[in-house]
PDB file of N, CA and C in Angstrom:
ATOM      1  N   UNK A   1      94.918 123.458 128.963  1.00  0.00           N
ATOM      2  CA  UNK A   1      93.821 124.356 129.202  1.00  0.00           C
ATOM      3  C   UNK A   1      92.547 123.858 128.520  1.00  0.00           C
ATOM      4  N   UNK A   2      92.681 123.196 127.368  1.00  0.00           N
ATOM      5  CA  UNK A   2      91.528 122.711 126.628  1.00  0.00           C
ATOM      6  C   UNK A   2      91.083 121.324 127.040  1.00  0.00           C
ATOM      7  N   UNK A   3      91.678 120.743 128.100  1.00  0.00           N
ATOM      8  CA  UNK A   3      91.304 119.401 128.538  1.00  0.00           C
ATOM      9  C   UNK A   3      89.923 119.411 129.176  1.00  0.00           C
ATOM     10  N   UNK A   4      89.162 118.371 128.885  1.00  0.00           N
ATOM     11  CA  UNK A   4      87.837 118.219 129.481  1.00  0.00           C
ATOM     12  C   UNK A   4      87.904 117.078 130.483  1.00  0.00           C
ATOM     13  N   UNK A   5      87.463 117.332 131.667  1.00  0.00           N
ATOM     14  CA  UNK A   5      87.451 116.312 132.710  1.00  0.00           C
ATOM     15  C   UNK A   5      86.009 115.904 132.935  1.00  0.00           C
ATOM     16  N   UNK A   6      85.759 114.615 132.820  1.00  0.00           N
ATOM     17  CA  UNK A   6      84.404 114.102 133.011  1.00  0.00           C
ATOM     18  C   UNK A   6      84.312 113.470 134.392  1.00  0.00           C
ATOM     19  N   UNK A   7      83.417 113.938 135.190  1.00  0.00           N
ATOM     20  CA  UNK A   7      83.213 113.375 136.513  1.00  0.00           C
ATOM     21  C   UNK A   7      82.203 112.235 136.406  1.00  0.00           C
ATOM     22  N   UNK A   8      82.593 111.067 136.930  1.00  0.00           N
ATOM     23  CA  UNK A   8      81.733 109.894 136.864  1.00  0.00           C
ATOM     24  C   UNK A   8      81.250 109.584 138.270  1.00  0.00           C
ATOM     25  N   UNK A   9      79.951 109.479 138.441  1.00  0.00           N
ATOM     26  CA  UNK A   9      79.415 109.172 139.773  1.00  0.00           C
ATOM     27  C   UNK A   9      79.836 107.774 140.238  1.00  0.00           C
ATOM     28  N   UNK A  10      79.939 107.605 141.547  1.00  0.00           N
ATOM     29  CA  UNK A  10      80.324 106.310 142.113  1.00  0.00           C
ATOM     30  C   UNK A  10      79.370 105.211 141.675  1.00  0.00           C
ATOM     31  N   UNK A  11      78.100 105.530 141.592  1.00  0.00           N
ATOM     32  CA  UNK A  11      77.116 104.516 141.209  1.00  0.00           C
ATOM     33  C   UNK A  11      77.384 103.986 139.797  1.00  0.00           C
ATOM     34  N   UNK A  12      77.798 104.871 138.908  1.00  0.00           N
ATOM     35  CA  UNK A  12      78.125 104.455 137.538  1.00  0.00           C
ATOM     36  C   UNK A  12      79.360 103.563 137.533  1.00  0.00           C
ATOM     37  N   UNK A  13      80.377 103.922 138.295  1.00  0.00           N
ATOM     38  CA  UNK A  13      81.587 103.097 138.388  1.00  0.00           C
ATOM     39  C   UNK A  13      81.259 101.717 138.959  1.00  0.00           C
ATOM     40  N   UNK A  14      80.417 101.671 139.966  1.00  0.00           N
ATOM     41  CA  UNK A  14      80.009 100.401 140.566  1.00  0.00           C
ATOM     42  C   UNK A  14      79.223  99.555 139.570  1.00  0.00           C
ATOM     43  N   UNK A  15      78.346 100.188 138.815  1.00  0.00           N
ATOM     44  CA  UNK A  15      77.567  99.476 137.800  1.00  0.00           C
ATOM     45  C   UNK A  15      78.473  98.851 136.756  1.00  0.00           C
ATOM     46  N   UNK A  16      79.448  99.613 136.283  1.00  0.00           N
ATOM     47  CA  UNK A  16      80.390  99.103 135.294  1.00  0.00           C
ATOM     48  C   UNK A  16      81.235  97.963 135.854  1.00  0.00           C
ATOM     49  N   UNK A  17      81.630  98.076 137.127  1.00  0.00           N
ATOM     50  CA  UNK A  17      82.411  97.012 137.764  1.00  0.00           C
ATOM     51  C   UNK A  17      81.593  95.728 137.854  1.00  0.00           C
ATOM     52  N   UNK A  18      80.334  95.856 138.243  1.00  0.00           N
ATOM     53  CA  UNK A  18      79.468  94.686 138.355  1.00  0.00           C
ATOM     54  C   UNK A  18      79.225  94.033 136.993  1.00  0.00           C
ATOM     55  N   UNK A  19      79.078  94.832 135.959  1.00  0.00           N
ATOM     56  CA  UNK A  19      78.897  94.299 134.602  1.00  0.00           C
ATOM     57  C   UNK A  19      80.132  93.518 134.176  1.00  0.00           C
ATOM     58  N   UNK A  20      81.334  94.089 134.424  1.00  0.00           N
ATOM     59  CA  UNK A  20      82.573  93.388 134.071  1.00  0.00           C
ATOM     60  C   UNK A  20      82.695  92.073 134.823  1.00  0.00           C
ATOM     61  N   UNK A  21      82.365  92.092 136.098  1.00  0.00           N
ATOM     62  CA  UNK A  21      82.451  90.889 136.919  1.00  0.00           C
ATOM     63  C   UNK A  21      81.466  89.822 136.433  1.00  0.00           C
ATOM     64  N   UNK A  22      80.247  90.237 136.126  1.00  0.00           N
ATOM     65  CA  UNK A  22      79.240  89.291 135.637  1.00  0.00           C
ATOM     66  C   UNK A  22      79.662  88.697 134.291  1.00  0.00           C
ATOM     67  N   UNK A  23      80.224  89.528 133.428  1.00  0.00           N
ATOM     68  CA  UNK A  23      80.674  89.045 132.119  1.00  0.00           C
ATOM     69  C   UNK A  23      81.807  88.038 132.271  1.00  0.00           C
ATOM     70  N   UNK A  24      82.723  88.282 133.206  1.00  0.00           N
ATOM     71  CA  UNK A  24      83.832  87.354 133.446  1.00  0.00           C
ATOM     72  C   UNK A  24      83.311  86.018 133.963  1.00  0.00           C
ATOM     73  N   UNK A  25      82.325  86.059 134.855  1.00  0.00           N
ATOM     74  CA  UNK A  25      81.734  84.822 135.368  1.00  0.00           C
ATOM     75  C   UNK A  25      81.028  84.072 134.239  1.00  0.00           C
ATOM     76  N   UNK A  26      80.271  84.775 133.430  1.00  0.00           N
ATOM     77  CA  UNK A  26      79.557  84.157 132.311  1.00  0.00           C
ATOM     78  C   UNK A  26      80.541  83.509 131.342  1.00  0.00           C
ATOM     79  N   UNK A  27      81.625  84.223 131.011  1.00  0.00           N
ATOM     80  CA  UNK A  27      82.619  83.676 130.087  1.00  0.00           C
ATOM     81  C   UNK A  27      83.348  82.473 130.670  1.00  0.00           C
ATOM     82  N   UNK A  28      83.470  82.405 132.004  1.00  0.00           N
ATOM     83  CA  UNK A  28      84.120  81.245 132.598  1.00  0.00           C
ATOM     84  C   UNK A  28      83.207  80.022 132.546  1.00  0.00           C
ATOM     85  N   UNK A  29      81.893  80.240 132.572  1.00  0.00           N
ATOM     86  CA  UNK A  29      80.936  79.134 132.494  1.00  0.00           C
ATOM     87  C   UNK A  29      80.681  78.749 131.040  1.00  0.00           C
ATOM     88  N   UNK A  30      80.477  79.730 130.193  1.00  0.00           N
ATOM     89  CA  UNK A  30      80.221  79.519 128.768  1.00  0.00           C
ATOM     90  C   UNK A  30      81.321  80.205 127.972  1.00  0.00           C
ATOM     91  N   UNK A  31      82.440  79.507 127.742  1.00  0.00           N
ATOM     92  CA  UNK A  31      83.545  80.151 127.026  1.00  0.00           C
ATOM     93  C   UNK A  31      83.127  80.573 125.622  1.00  0.00           C
ATOM     94  N   UNK A  32      83.592  81.727 125.195  1.00  0.00           N
ATOM     95  CA  UNK A  32      83.243  82.179 123.845  1.00  0.00           C
ATOM     96  C   UNK A  32      83.825  81.223 122.806  1.00  0.00           C
ATOM     97  N   UNK A  33      83.047  80.909 121.772  1.00  0.00           N
ATOM     98  CA  UNK A  33      83.497  80.021 120.705  1.00  0.00           C
ATOM     99  C   UNK A  33      83.520  80.789 119.397  1.00  0.00           C
ATOM    100  N   UNK A  34      84.300  80.298 118.470  1.00  0.00           N
ATOM    101  CA  UNK A  34      84.374  80.919 117.155  1.00  0.00           C
ATOM    102  C   UNK A  34      83.165  80.457 116.361  1.00  0.00           C
ATOM    103  N   UNK A  35      82.394  81.399 115.884  1.00  0.00           N
ATOM    104  CA  UNK A  35      81.208  81.058 115.111  1.00  0.00           C
ATOM    105  C   UNK A  35      81.603  80.750 113.679  1.00  0.00           C
ATOM    106  N   UNK A  36      80.810  79.947 112.998  1.00  0.00           N
ATOM    107  CA  UNK A  36      81.097  79.548 111.619  1.00  0.00           C
ATOM    108  C   UNK A  36      81.221  80.759 110.707  1.00  0.00           C
ATOM    109  N   UNK A  37      80.427  81.790 110.962  1.00  0.00           N
ATOM    110  CA  UNK A  37      80.464  82.971 110.106  1.00  0.00           C
ATOM    111  C   UNK A  37      81.752  83.771 110.303  1.00  0.00           C
ATOM    112  N   UNK A  38      82.470  83.540 111.417  1.00  0.00           N
ATOM    113  CA  UNK A  38      83.695  84.279 111.672  1.00  0.00           C
ATOM    114  C   UNK A  38      84.928  83.591 111.104  1.00  0.00           C
ATOM    115  N   UNK A  39      84.775  82.339 110.615  1.00  0.00           N
ATOM    116  CA  UNK A  39      85.922  81.625 110.058  1.00  0.00           C
ATOM    117  C   UNK A  39      86.298  82.243 108.723  1.00  0.00           C
ATOM    118  N   UNK A  40      87.571  82.177 108.382  1.00  0.00           N
ATOM    119  CA  UNK A  40      87.982  82.683 107.073  1.00  0.00           C
ATOM    120  C   UNK A  40      87.241  81.945 105.971  1.00  0.00           C
ATOM    121  N   UNK A  41      86.927  82.637 104.916  1.00  0.00           N
ATOM    122  CA  UNK A  41      86.102  82.094 103.835  1.00  0.00           C
ATOM    123  C   UNK A  41      86.708  80.835 103.226  1.00  0.00           C
ATOM    124  N   UNK A  42      88.014  80.819 103.014  1.00  0.00           N
ATOM    125  CA  UNK A  42      88.645  79.703 102.318  1.00  0.00           C
ATOM    126  C   UNK A  42      88.946  78.507 103.198  1.00  0.00           C
ATOM    127  N   UNK A  43      88.769  78.578 104.510  1.00  0.00           N
ATOM    128  CA  UNK A  43      89.168  77.477 105.379  1.00  0.00           C
ATOM    129  C   UNK A  43      88.354  76.224 105.117  1.00  0.00           C
ATOM    130  N   UNK A  44      87.051  76.348 104.905  1.00  0.00           N
ATOM    131  CA  UNK A  44      86.221  75.177 104.636  1.00  0.00           C
ATOM    132  C   UNK A  44      86.553  74.599 103.272  1.00  0.00           C
ATOM    133  N   UNK A  45      86.791  75.456 102.320  1.00  0.00           N
ATOM    134  CA  UNK A  45      87.134  74.980 100.980  1.00  0.00           C
ATOM    135  C   UNK A  45      88.499  74.319 100.952  1.00  0.00           C
ATOM    136  N   UNK A  46      89.466  74.857 101.699  1.00  0.00           N
ATOM    137  CA  UNK A  46      90.797  74.270 101.682  1.00  0.00           C
ATOM    138  C   UNK A  46      90.777  72.892 102.320  1.00  0.00           C
ATOM    139  N   UNK A  47      89.950  72.691 103.342  1.00  0.00           N
ATOM    140  CA  UNK A  47      89.832  71.371 103.961  1.00  0.00           C
ATOM    141  C   UNK A  47      89.204  70.404 102.982  1.00  0.00           C
ATOM    142  N   UNK A  48      88.193  70.843 102.253  1.00  0.00           N
ATOM    143  CA  UNK A  48      87.547  69.988 101.277  1.00  0.00           C
ATOM    144  C   UNK A  48      88.496  69.717 100.112  1.00  0.00           C
ATOM    145  N   UNK A  49      89.235  70.726  99.704  1.00  0.00           N
ATOM    146  CA  UNK A  49      90.180  70.562  98.605  1.00  0.00           C
ATOM    147  C   UNK A  49      91.280  69.582  98.938  1.00  0.00           C
ATOM    148  N   UNK A  50      91.745  69.567 100.176  1.00  0.00           N
ATOM    149  CA  UNK A  50      92.798  68.638 100.554  1.00  0.00           C
ATOM    150  C   UNK A  50      92.292  67.209 100.532  1.00  0.00           C
ATOM    151  N   UNK A  51      91.032  66.977 100.929  1.00  0.00           N
ATOM    152  CA  UNK A  51      90.494  65.621 100.878  1.00  0.00           C
ATOM    153  C   UNK A  51      90.289  65.193  99.434  1.00  0.00           C
ATOM    154  N   UNK A  52      89.902  66.134  98.550  1.00  0.00           N
ATOM    155  CA  UNK A  52      89.750  65.807  97.136  1.00  0.00           C
ATOM    156  C   UNK A  52      91.089  65.431  96.522  1.00  0.00           C
ATOM    157  N   UNK A  53      92.146  66.129  96.894  1.00  0.00           N
ATOM    158  CA  UNK A  53      93.451  65.833  96.323  1.00  0.00           C
ATOM    159  C   UNK A  53      93.949  64.475  96.788  1.00  0.00           C
ATOM    160  N   UNK A  54      93.596  64.083  98.017  1.00  0.00           N
ATOM    161  CA  UNK A  54      93.986  62.756  98.505  1.00  0.00           C
ATOM    162  C   UNK A  54      93.257  61.687  97.706  1.00  0.00           C
ATOM    163  N   UNK A  55      91.965  61.893  97.435  1.00  0.00           N
ATOM    164  CA  UNK A  55      91.203  60.929  96.651  1.00  0.00           C
ATOM    165  C   UNK A  55      91.780  60.808  95.255  1.00  0.00           C
ATOM    166  N   UNK A  56      92.141  61.943  94.653  1.00  0.00           N
ATOM    167  CA  UNK A  56      92.687  61.915  93.290  1.00  0.00           C
ATOM    168  C   UNK A  56      94.017  61.179  93.266  1.00  0.00           C
ATOM    169  N   UNK A  57      94.868  61.376  94.264  1.00  0.00           N
ATOM    170  CA  UNK A  57      96.172  60.738  94.256  1.00  0.00           C
ATOM    171  C   UNK A  57      96.040  59.232  94.450  1.00  0.00           C
ATOM    172  N   UNK A  58      95.052  58.780  95.211  1.00  0.00           N
ATOM    173  CA  UNK A  58      94.862  57.334  95.380  1.00  0.00           C
ATOM    174  C   UNK A  58      94.287  56.717  94.111  1.00  0.00           C
ATOM    175  N   UNK A  59      93.464  57.450  93.389  1.00  0.00           N
ATOM    176  CA  UNK A  59      92.922  56.934  92.128  1.00  0.00           C
ATOM    177  C   UNK A  59      94.000  56.812  91.069  1.00  0.00           C
ATOM    178  N   UNK A  60      94.930  57.762  91.051  1.00  0.00           N
ATOM    179  CA  UNK A  60      95.973  57.734  90.055  1.00  0.00           C
ATOM    180  C   UNK A  60      96.889  56.540  90.231  1.00  0.00           C
ATOM    181  N   UNK A  61      97.067  56.099  91.474  1.00  0.00           N
ATOM    182  CA  UNK A  61      97.948  54.976  91.753  1.00  0.00           C
ATOM    183  C   UNK A  61      97.315  53.641  91.417  1.00  0.00           C
ATOM    184  N   UNK A  62      96.003  53.591  91.187  1.00  0.00           N
ATOM    185  CA  UNK A  62      95.327  52.315  90.892  1.00  0.00           C
ATOM    186  C   UNK A  62      95.645  51.771  89.551  1.00  0.00           C
TER     187      UNK A  62
END
């Protein structure tokens, strides 16, 4: 009894469909990429740390 039914005009449904279709076409041409700001904070440091540890291990063997 307390349910609310929202009537959506056909024009609104068509607009939303066209937006979804355009977005899908855009994403197929320009695939979304992971931005640098979205990478985990430690990933860049861990890559740098692993190269530092390799350098240290080669120095120790000299």
